[in-house]
C-alpha atoms as a PDB file:
ATOM      1  CA  MET A   1       0.274  -0.225  -0.053  1.00  0.00           C
ATOM      2  CA  ALA A   2       1.142   3.500  -1.222  1.00  0.00           C
ATOM      3  CA  PHE A   3       1.584   6.431   1.389  1.00  0.00           C
ATOM      4  CA  PHE A   4      -0.869   7.848   3.400  1.00  0.00           C
ATOM      5  CA  GLU A   5      -2.913   5.367   0.172  1.00  0.00           C
ATOM      6  CA  HIS A   6      -5.402   4.313   3.511  1.00  0.00           C
ATOM      7  CA  LEU A   7      -6.309   7.935   4.519  1.00  0.00           C
ATOM      8  CA  LYS A   8      -9.524   8.685   2.629  1.00  0.00           C
ATOM      9  CA  PRO A   9      -9.831  12.473   0.561  1.00  0.00           C
ATOM     10  CA  ASP A  10     -12.265  14.450   3.803  1.00  0.00           C
ATOM     11  CA  GLU A  11      -9.928  12.403   6.311  1.00  0.00           C
ATOM     12  CA  ASN A  12      -8.743  14.911   9.002  1.00  0.00           C
ATOM     13  CA  ILE A  13      -5.535  13.693   9.918  1.00  0.00           C
ATOM     14  CA  LEU A  14      -4.123  17.058  10.552  1.00  0.00           C
ATOM     15  CA  THR A  15      -5.792  17.563  13.604  1.00  0.00           C
ATOM     16  CA  ASP A  16      -2.890  18.239  15.891  1.00  0.00           C
ATOM     17  CA  ALA A  17      -1.112  21.202  13.688  1.00  0.00           C
ATOM     18  CA  THR A  18       0.222  23.675  15.887  1.00  0.00           C
ATOM     19  CA  VAL A  19       2.039  26.825  15.023  1.00  0.00           C
ATOM     20  CA  LEU A  20       5.066  27.191  16.722  1.00  0.00           C
ATOM     21  CA  HIS A  21       6.025  30.569  18.254  1.00  0.00           C
ATOM     22  CA  TYR A  22       9.102  30.170  20.169  1.00  0.00           C
ATOM     23  CA  ASP A  23      10.956  32.205  23.513  1.00  0.00           C
ATOM     24  CA  TRP A  24      13.838  32.293  23.827  1.00  0.00           C
ATOM     25  CA  SER A  25      15.873  34.279  26.782  1.00  0.00           C
ATOM     26  CA  VAL A  26      19.148  34.738  27.021  1.00  0.00           C
ATOM     27  CA  GLU A  27      19.516  31.871  28.723  1.00  0.00           C
ATOM     28  CA  ASN A  28      19.234  29.726  25.410  1.00  0.00           C
ATOM     29  CA  ILE A  29      22.410  31.864  24.597  1.00  0.00           C
ATOM     30  CA  ASN A  30      24.268  31.037  27.382  1.00  0.00           C
ATOM     31  CA  SER A  31      23.597  27.222  26.362  1.00  0.00           C
ATOM     32  CA  LEU A  32      24.553  27.406  23.278  1.00  0.00           C
ATOM     33  CA  ILE A  33      27.736  29.248  24.089  1.00  0.00           C
ATOM     34  CA  ALA A  34      28.383  26.212  26.578  1.00  0.00           C
ATOM     35  CA  LYS A  35      28.001  23.912  24.156  1.00  0.00           C
ATOM     36  CA  ILE A  36      30.036  24.719  21.855  1.00  0.00           C
ATOM     37  CA  LYS A  37      32.752  25.356  24.753  1.00  0.00           C
ATOM     38  CA  SER A  38      32.407  21.976  25.718  1.00  0.00           C
ATOM     39  CA  ARG A  39      33.684  20.724  22.286  1.00  0.00           C
ATOM     40  CA  GLY A  40      36.429  22.596  22.959  1.00  0.00           C
ATOM     41  CA  HIS A  41      35.173  25.038  20.746  1.00  0.00           C
ATOM     42  CA  LYS A  42      36.378  28.511  20.856  1.00  0.00           C
ATOM     43  CA  ILE A  43      33.224  31.505  20.820  1.00  0.00           C
ATOM     44  CA  THR A  44      34.214  34.206  18.425  1.00  0.00           C
ATOM     45  CA  ARG A  45      32.103  37.766  18.023  1.00  0.00           C
ATOM     46  CA  GLY A  46      30.932  37.389  14.861  1.00  0.00           C
ATOM     47  CA  ARG A  47      29.686  33.539  15.941  1.00  0.00           C
ATOM     48  CA  LYS A  48      27.898  35.000  19.574  1.00  0.00           C
ATOM     49  CA  ARG A  49      26.109  37.575  17.465  1.00  0.00           C
ATOM     50  CA  ILE A  50      25.014  34.811  14.646  1.00  0.00           C
ATOM     51  CA  LEU A  51      23.897  32.581  17.238  1.00  0.00           C
ATOM     52  CA  GLN A  52      21.559  35.881  19.313  1.00  0.00           C
ATOM     53  CA  ILE A  53      20.014  36.607  15.543  1.00  0.00           C
ATOM     54  CA  LEU A  54      19.026  33.267  14.951  1.00  0.00           C
ATOM     55  CA  LEU A  55      17.457  32.388  17.863  1.00  0.00           C
ATOM     56  CA  ASN A  56      14.903  36.303  17.580  1.00  0.00           C
ATOM     57  CA  LEU A  57      14.194  35.167  14.287  1.00  0.00           C
ATOM     58  CA  ASN A  58      11.061  32.931  13.702  1.00  0.00           C
ATOM     59  CA  ALA A  59      11.810  31.514  10.507  1.00  0.00           C
ATOM     60  CA  PRO A  60      14.731  31.281   7.831  1.00  0.00           C
ATOM     61  CA  VAL A  61      16.964  33.123   6.612  1.00  0.00           C
ATOM     62  CA  THR A  62      19.726  34.127   3.402  1.00  0.00           C
ATOM     63  CA  ALA A  63      23.127  34.149   4.242  1.00  0.00           C
ATOM     64  CA  SER A  64      22.619  37.741   2.694  1.00  0.00           C
ATOM     65  CA  GLU A  65      20.062  38.856   4.689  1.00  0.00           C
ATOM     66  CA  LEU A  66      21.607  37.609   7.609  1.00  0.00           C
ATOM     67  CA  MET A  67      24.536  40.281   6.757  1.00  0.00           C
ATOM     68  CA  LYS A  68      21.844  42.243   5.960  1.00  0.00           C
ATOM     69  CA  LEU A  69      20.699  42.150  10.258  1.00  0.00           C
ATOM     70  CA  LEU A  70      24.584  41.683  10.892  1.00  0.00           C
ATOM     71  CA  GLU A  71      24.656  45.464   9.449  1.00  0.00           C
ATOM     72  CA  GLU A  72      22.063  47.010  11.556  1.00  0.00           C
ATOM     73  CA  LYS A  73      23.437  45.768  14.785  1.00  0.00           C
ATOM     74  CA  GLU A  74      26.762  47.231  13.379  1.00  0.00           C
ATOM     75  CA  ALA A  75      27.962  44.042  13.886  1.00  0.00           C
ATOM     76  CA  THR A  76      29.517  43.999   9.870  1.00  0.00           C
ATOM     77  CA  LEU A  77      30.907  40.790   8.875  1.00  0.00           C
ATOM     78  CA  ASN A  78      32.676  39.830   5.747  1.00  0.00           C
ATOM     79  CA  LYS A  79      30.656  36.903   3.258  1.00  0.00           C
ATOM     80  CA  THR A  80      33.403  35.036   3.794  1.00  0.00           C
ATOM     81  CA  THR A  81      32.845  35.047   7.607  1.00  0.00           C
ATOM     82  CA  VAL A  82      29.332  34.417   7.586  1.00  0.00           C
ATOM     83  CA  TYR A  83      29.766  30.852   5.525  1.00  0.00           C
ATOM     84  CA  ARG A  84      32.264  29.537   7.431  1.00  0.00           C
ATOM     85  CA  GLU A  85      30.526  30.533  10.532  1.00  0.00           C
ATOM     86  CA  LEU A  86      27.283  28.956   9.061  1.00  0.00           C
ATOM     87  CA  GLU A  87      29.280  26.105   7.885  1.00  0.00           C
ATOM     88  CA  PHE A  88      30.642  25.960  11.580  1.00  0.00           C
ATOM     89  CA  LEU A  89      27.205  25.905  13.250  1.00  0.00           C
ATOM     90  CA  GLN A  90      25.496  23.609  11.128  1.00  0.00           C
ATOM     91  CA  LYS A  91      28.409  20.344  11.690  1.00  0.00           C
ATOM     92  CA  GLU A  92      27.593  21.496  15.326  1.00  0.00           C
ATOM     93  CA  GLY A  93      23.869  20.566  14.429  1.00  0.00           C
ATOM     94  CA  LEU A  94      23.171  24.400  16.078  1.00  0.00           C
ATOM     95  CA  VAL A  95      21.742  25.277  12.651  1.00  0.00           C
ATOM     96  CA  ARG A  96      20.037  23.468   9.651  1.00  0.00           C
ATOM     97  CA  THR A  97      19.808  24.632   5.824  1.00  0.00           C
ATOM     98  CA  VAL A  98      16.129  24.858   4.483  1.00  0.00           C
ATOM     99  CA  GLN A  99      15.276  24.685   0.585  1.00  0.00           C
ATOM    100  CA  LEU A 100      12.062  27.149   0.501  1.00  0.00           C
ATOM    101  CA  ASP A 101      10.863  28.379  -2.833  1.00  0.00           C
ATOM    102  CA  GLU A 102      13.186  30.281  -4.470  1.00  0.00           C
ATOM    103  CA  ARG A 103      16.890  28.827  -5.152  1.00  0.00           C
ATOM    104  CA  LYS A 104      18.511  30.245  -2.220  1.00  0.00           C
ATOM    105  CA  GLN A 105      19.322  28.761   0.506  1.00  0.00           C
ATOM    106  CA  ARG A 106      18.369  29.489   3.993  1.00  0.00           C
ATOM    107  CA  PHE A 107      19.761  28.825   7.852  1.00  0.00           C
ATOM    108  CA  GLU A 108      17.896  28.032  11.037  1.00  0.00           C
ATOM    109  CA  LEU A 109      18.718  27.844  14.601  1.00  0.00           C
ATOM    110  CA  ILE A 110      17.527  24.008  15.569  1.00  0.00           C
ATOM    111  CA  LYS A 111      15.111  25.038  17.743  1.00  0.00           C
ATOM    112  CA  GLY A 112      12.729  22.451  19.726  1.00  0.00           C
ATOM    113  CA  ASP A 113      11.314  19.359  17.532  1.00  0.00           C
ATOM    114  CA  HIS A 114      11.300  19.236  13.863  1.00  0.00           C
ATOM    115  CA  HIS A 115       8.597  21.178  12.229  1.00  0.00           C
ATOM    116  CA  HIS A 116       7.571  21.866   8.791  1.00  0.00           C
ATOM    117  CA  HIS A 117       7.372  26.018   7.089  1.00  0.00           C
ATOM    118  CA  LEU A 118       3.895  27.180   6.123  1.00  0.00           C
ATOM    119  CA  VAL A 119       5.410  30.097   3.261  1.00  0.00           C
ATOM    120  CA  CYS A 120       3.550  32.823   1.662  1.00  0.00           C
ATOM    121  CA  LYS A 121       3.785  32.863  -1.877  1.00  0.00           C
ATOM    122  CA  ASN A 122       3.205  36.783  -1.920  1.00  0.00           C
ATOM    123  CA  CYS A 123       4.784  38.260   0.718  1.00  0.00           C
ATOM    124  CA  LYS A 124       7.116  35.015   1.453  1.00  0.00           C
ATOM    125  CA  ASN A 125       6.605  35.122   5.410  1.00  0.00           C
ATOM    126  CA  VAL A 126       7.361  31.949   6.971  1.00  0.00           C
ATOM    127  CA  GLU A 127       5.993  30.210   9.535  1.00  0.00           C
ATOM    128  CA  ASP A 128       7.059  27.782  12.046  1.00  0.00           C
ATOM    129  CA  VAL A 129       4.747  24.380  11.927  1.00  0.00           C
ATOM    130  CA  ALA A 130       4.636  21.253  13.405  1.00  0.00           C
ATOM    131  CA  PHE A 131       2.219  18.067  13.203  1.00  0.00           C
ATOM    132  CA  ALA A 132       2.752  15.020  16.037  1.00  0.00           C
ATOM    133  CA  SER A 133       0.780  13.164  13.615  1.00  0.00           C
ATOM    134  CA  LEU A 134       2.123  13.373  10.074  1.00  0.00           C
ATOM    135  CA  GLU A 135       5.558  13.463  12.172  1.00  0.00           C
ATOM    136  CA  GLU A 136       4.997   9.617  13.539  1.00  0.00           C
ATOM    137  CA  GLN A 137       4.006   9.163   9.391  1.00  0.00           C
ATOM    138  CA  MET A 138       6.676  10.094   7.831  1.00  0.00           C
ATOM    139  CA  LYS A 139       9.544   8.178  11.248  1.00  0.00           C
ATOM    140  CA  MET A 140       7.851   4.707   9.031  1.00  0.00           C
ATOM    141  CA  PHE A 141       7.499   6.100   6.024  1.00  0.00           C
ATOM    142  CA  GLU A 142      12.028   7.225   5.887  1.00  0.00           C
ATOM    143  CA  LYS A 143      12.003   3.434   7.088  1.00  0.00           C
ATOM    144  CA  GLN A 144      10.318   1.639   4.836  1.00  0.00           C
ATOM    145  CA  LEU A 145      12.594   3.716   2.482  1.00  0.00           C
ATOM    146  CA  LYS A 146      15.493   3.105   4.491  1.00  0.00           C
ATOM    147  CA  TYR A 147      14.960  -0.679   3.824  1.00  0.00           C
ATOM    148  CA  LYS A 148      13.693  -0.670   0.620  1.00  0.00           C
ATOM    149  CA  SER A 149      15.963   1.655  -1.008  1.00  0.00           C
ATOM    150  CA  GLN A 150      19.483   1.048   0.799  1.00  0.00           C
ATOM    151  CA  PHE A 151      19.677   3.935   1.304  1.00  0.00           C
ATOM    152  CA  ARG A 152      20.925   5.708   5.264  1.00  0.00           C
ATOM    153  CA  GLU A 153      20.930   8.715   6.646  1.00  0.00           C
ATOM    154  CA  ILE A 154      17.528   9.710   5.508  1.00  0.00           C
ATOM    155  CA  LYS A 155      16.023  12.612   6.784  1.00  0.00           C
ATOM    156  CA  HIS A 156      13.363  15.302   5.320  1.00  0.00           C
ATOM    157  CA  SER A 157      11.781  18.521   4.368  1.00  0.00           C
ATOM    158  CA  LEU A 158       8.613  19.783   3.308  1.00  0.00           C
ATOM    159  CA  GLU A 159       6.976  23.055   3.457  1.00  0.00           C
ATOM    160  CA  PHE A 160       3.927  23.978   2.367  1.00  0.00           C
ATOM    161  CA  PHE A 161       2.790  27.572   0.081  1.00  0.00           C
ATOM    162  CA  GLY A 162      -0.006  29.273   0.280  1.00  0.00           C
ATOM    163  CA  LEU A 163      -1.969  32.752   0.678  1.00  0.00           C
ATOM    164  CA  CYS A 164      -1.297  34.087   3.973  1.00  0.00           C
ATOM    165  CA  ARG A 165      -4.291  35.859   6.009  1.00  0.00           C
ATOM    166  CA  HIS A 166      -2.425  39.961   5.213  1.00  0.00           C
ATOM    167  CA  CYS A 167      -2.276  38.591   1.476  1.00  0.00           C
ATOM    168  CA  GLN A 168      -5.781  36.606   1.459  1.00  0.00           C
END
């Protein structure tokens, strides 16, 4: 049976949908810094500023957008440094890349559990959203894919596109 084939078209499986809003305080920047230090790495001024900005964002950003946000905070870093720091934070498991509608790679701090995104096709506003029931189904699907395809380390990314309430 194909994935989701057992569902009826009118069946509402996503009754547990939650739009996520995070409350990240100063304690969280300190825990991120502690995590990096515990792994034997230094906390550079640029690294700390990037983490602070990513902590306060509710949507993934491109490296260019991140650079503009750094400039607004009077913390200008050159392009190479920004990309190098983002790569470091990815390797440390603190940041992930997100591919949305456009071809640009976006970055977000890994906050809480796995989630997906609602993207407005008009204004490009992005909201984080989580579906516990969908995640359970996706985990089973990933296990089946691993078994049938011989792929390893399978991950998924799922984005929903529509018009937000302001653009309708």
